Structure formats: structure tokens, C-alpha cells
Protein backbone atom coordinates (compact mmCIF):
# COMPACT_ATOMS: atom_id res chain seq x y z
CA MET A 1 -14.80 78.91 125.27
CA ASN A 2 -15.56 75.93 127.54
CA GLN A 3 -16.04 72.54 125.93
CA PRO A 4 -19.24 70.75 127.00
CA VAL A 5 -18.85 67.89 129.46
CA TYR A 6 -20.55 64.86 127.98
CA LYS A 7 -22.21 62.34 130.26
CA PHE A 8 -23.48 58.89 129.40
CA ALA A 9 -26.16 56.48 130.60
CA THR A 10 -27.50 53.25 129.14
CA GLN A 11 -30.74 51.39 128.69
CA ARG A 12 -30.60 47.69 127.88
CA LEU A 13 -33.35 46.43 125.60
CA LEU A 14 -33.00 42.70 124.92
CA ASP A 15 -29.49 42.28 123.48
CA SER A 16 -28.99 45.96 122.60
CA VAL A 17 -27.47 48.64 124.80
CA TRP A 18 -28.95 52.03 123.99
CA THR A 19 -26.51 54.76 124.96
CA LEU A 20 -27.69 58.23 125.94
CA LYS A 21 -25.08 60.95 125.49
CA TYR A 22 -26.08 64.22 127.10
CA VAL A 23 -24.96 67.49 128.66
CA GLN A 24 -26.19 68.46 132.13
CA VAL A 25 -27.35 72.07 131.77
CA GLU A 26 -28.71 72.62 135.28
CA ILE A 27 -29.50 70.31 138.18
CA HIS A 28 -32.77 69.03 136.69
CA THR A 29 -32.31 69.75 132.98
CA ILE A 30 -30.26 68.15 130.21
CA THR A 31 -29.66 68.49 126.50
CA ILE A 32 -29.56 65.19 124.64
CA ILE A 33 -26.67 64.85 122.20
CA SER A 34 -27.43 61.34 120.96
CA TYR A 35 -29.40 58.20 121.74
CA SER A 36 -28.20 55.15 119.84
CA ARG A 37 -27.77 51.41 120.03
CA ASP A 38 -24.68 51.72 117.82
CA ASP A 39 -22.49 53.58 120.33
CA GLN A 40 -19.71 51.18 121.37
CA TYR A 41 -18.97 53.28 124.47
CA GLY A 42 -22.21 52.10 126.07
CA TYR A 43 -21.48 48.43 125.46
CA ASP A 44 -17.92 48.75 126.76
CA ASN A 45 -18.86 50.74 129.90
CA GLU A 46 -22.41 49.66 130.67
CA LYS A 47 -21.70 48.41 134.20
CA SER A 48 -19.99 51.65 135.23
CA LEU A 49 -22.68 53.99 133.82
CA ASP A 50 -26.07 54.98 135.21
CA ARG A 51 -29.17 53.38 133.78
CA CYS A 52 -31.74 55.57 132.05
CA ARG A 53 -35.29 55.46 130.79
CA LEU A 54 -36.61 58.05 128.36
CA CYS A 55 -40.03 59.51 129.18
CA GLU A 56 -42.01 60.02 125.99
CA GLN A 57 -45.28 61.68 125.04
CA SER A 58 -47.81 59.76 122.94
CA ASP A 59 -46.10 60.99 119.73
CA ARG A 60 -42.76 59.55 121.02
CA THR A 61 -41.29 62.99 121.79
CA VAL A 62 -38.81 62.69 124.65
CA ILE A 63 -39.65 65.22 127.37
CA ALA A 64 -37.74 63.83 130.35
CA VAL A 65 -35.26 61.15 131.38
CA GLN A 66 -35.18 59.02 134.51
CA PHE A 67 -31.79 57.96 135.86
CA GLY A 68 -30.78 55.32 138.36
CA PRO A 69 -27.73 53.27 139.30
CA TYR A 70 -26.61 50.28 137.25
CA GLU A 71 -28.33 47.12 138.43
CA PRO A 72 -28.51 43.97 136.30
CA PHE A 73 -32.04 42.98 135.19
CA THR A 74 -33.79 45.87 136.97
CA PHE A 75 -34.18 49.64 136.98
CA THR A 76 -34.71 51.72 140.11
CA PRO A 77 -35.04 55.39 139.15
CA THR A 78 -33.57 57.89 141.59
CA GLU A 79 -33.79 61.09 139.55
CA LYS A 80 -35.93 62.58 136.78
CA VAL A 81 -34.72 65.48 134.63
CA LEU A 82 -36.34 67.56 131.91
CA VAL A 83 -35.06 67.56 128.33
CA LEU A 84 -34.35 71.00 126.86
CA ASN A 85 -34.34 69.77 123.26
CA PRO A 86 -37.41 67.51 122.98
CA LEU A 87 -37.48 65.51 119.74
CA HIS A 88 -38.89 62.22 118.48
CA VAL A 89 -37.05 59.40 120.27
CA PHE A 90 -35.28 58.27 117.08
CA SER A 91 -34.29 61.82 116.03
CA TYR A 92 -31.23 62.00 118.26
CA SER A 93 -28.60 60.94 115.79
CA GLN A 94 -25.11 59.96 116.80
CA ASP A 95 -22.73 62.91 116.46
């Protein structure tokens, strides 16, 4: 059985780096594995990872994610993908 290929992206909010760990299912769909500000991988590799912004409904359920290249102090989205496992933004615990 094939092991999933985990991908990472970050979102900087003030002095925290929120790290999104996900699996690309198809070209425009992902499954979120975790979203946490406690993932050291994001802090250590922030400049080499894509930026991300989670797209939420009014109840804070994540339905999509925008991605863009790392740029300090800005975010320029270049892609938007759908989330196959929509949950409340703080429900994606670290595995």
C-alpha cells in the first residue's frame, strides 16, 4: 500500500507560523491532515514552503485553501483548492 505524500504550507499570523499539513488528492482537491501553530517544521522551513490562507464559512468550517509562493509581509494567491474533509478551523489536530 502506498504511503501518502504529505505537503506543507504556512500562514504567518503575528509571531506565530501556522503550518498546514495536507495530502493532494487531485489537482484541485486536498485532505487536511493538520493545521497548527505548534508544528516546528513550519517555523524551520517557512521560507521554502508555499504560503496558504484557509477559506472559511461563517461557522469557521474550512471549505477551501488558497496557496501562493512565499513572500515576506504579503500573500499573492495563485491557486485555490477544495477541502475534502471540511471541519471547524481548530478541529485539525496535529497527528
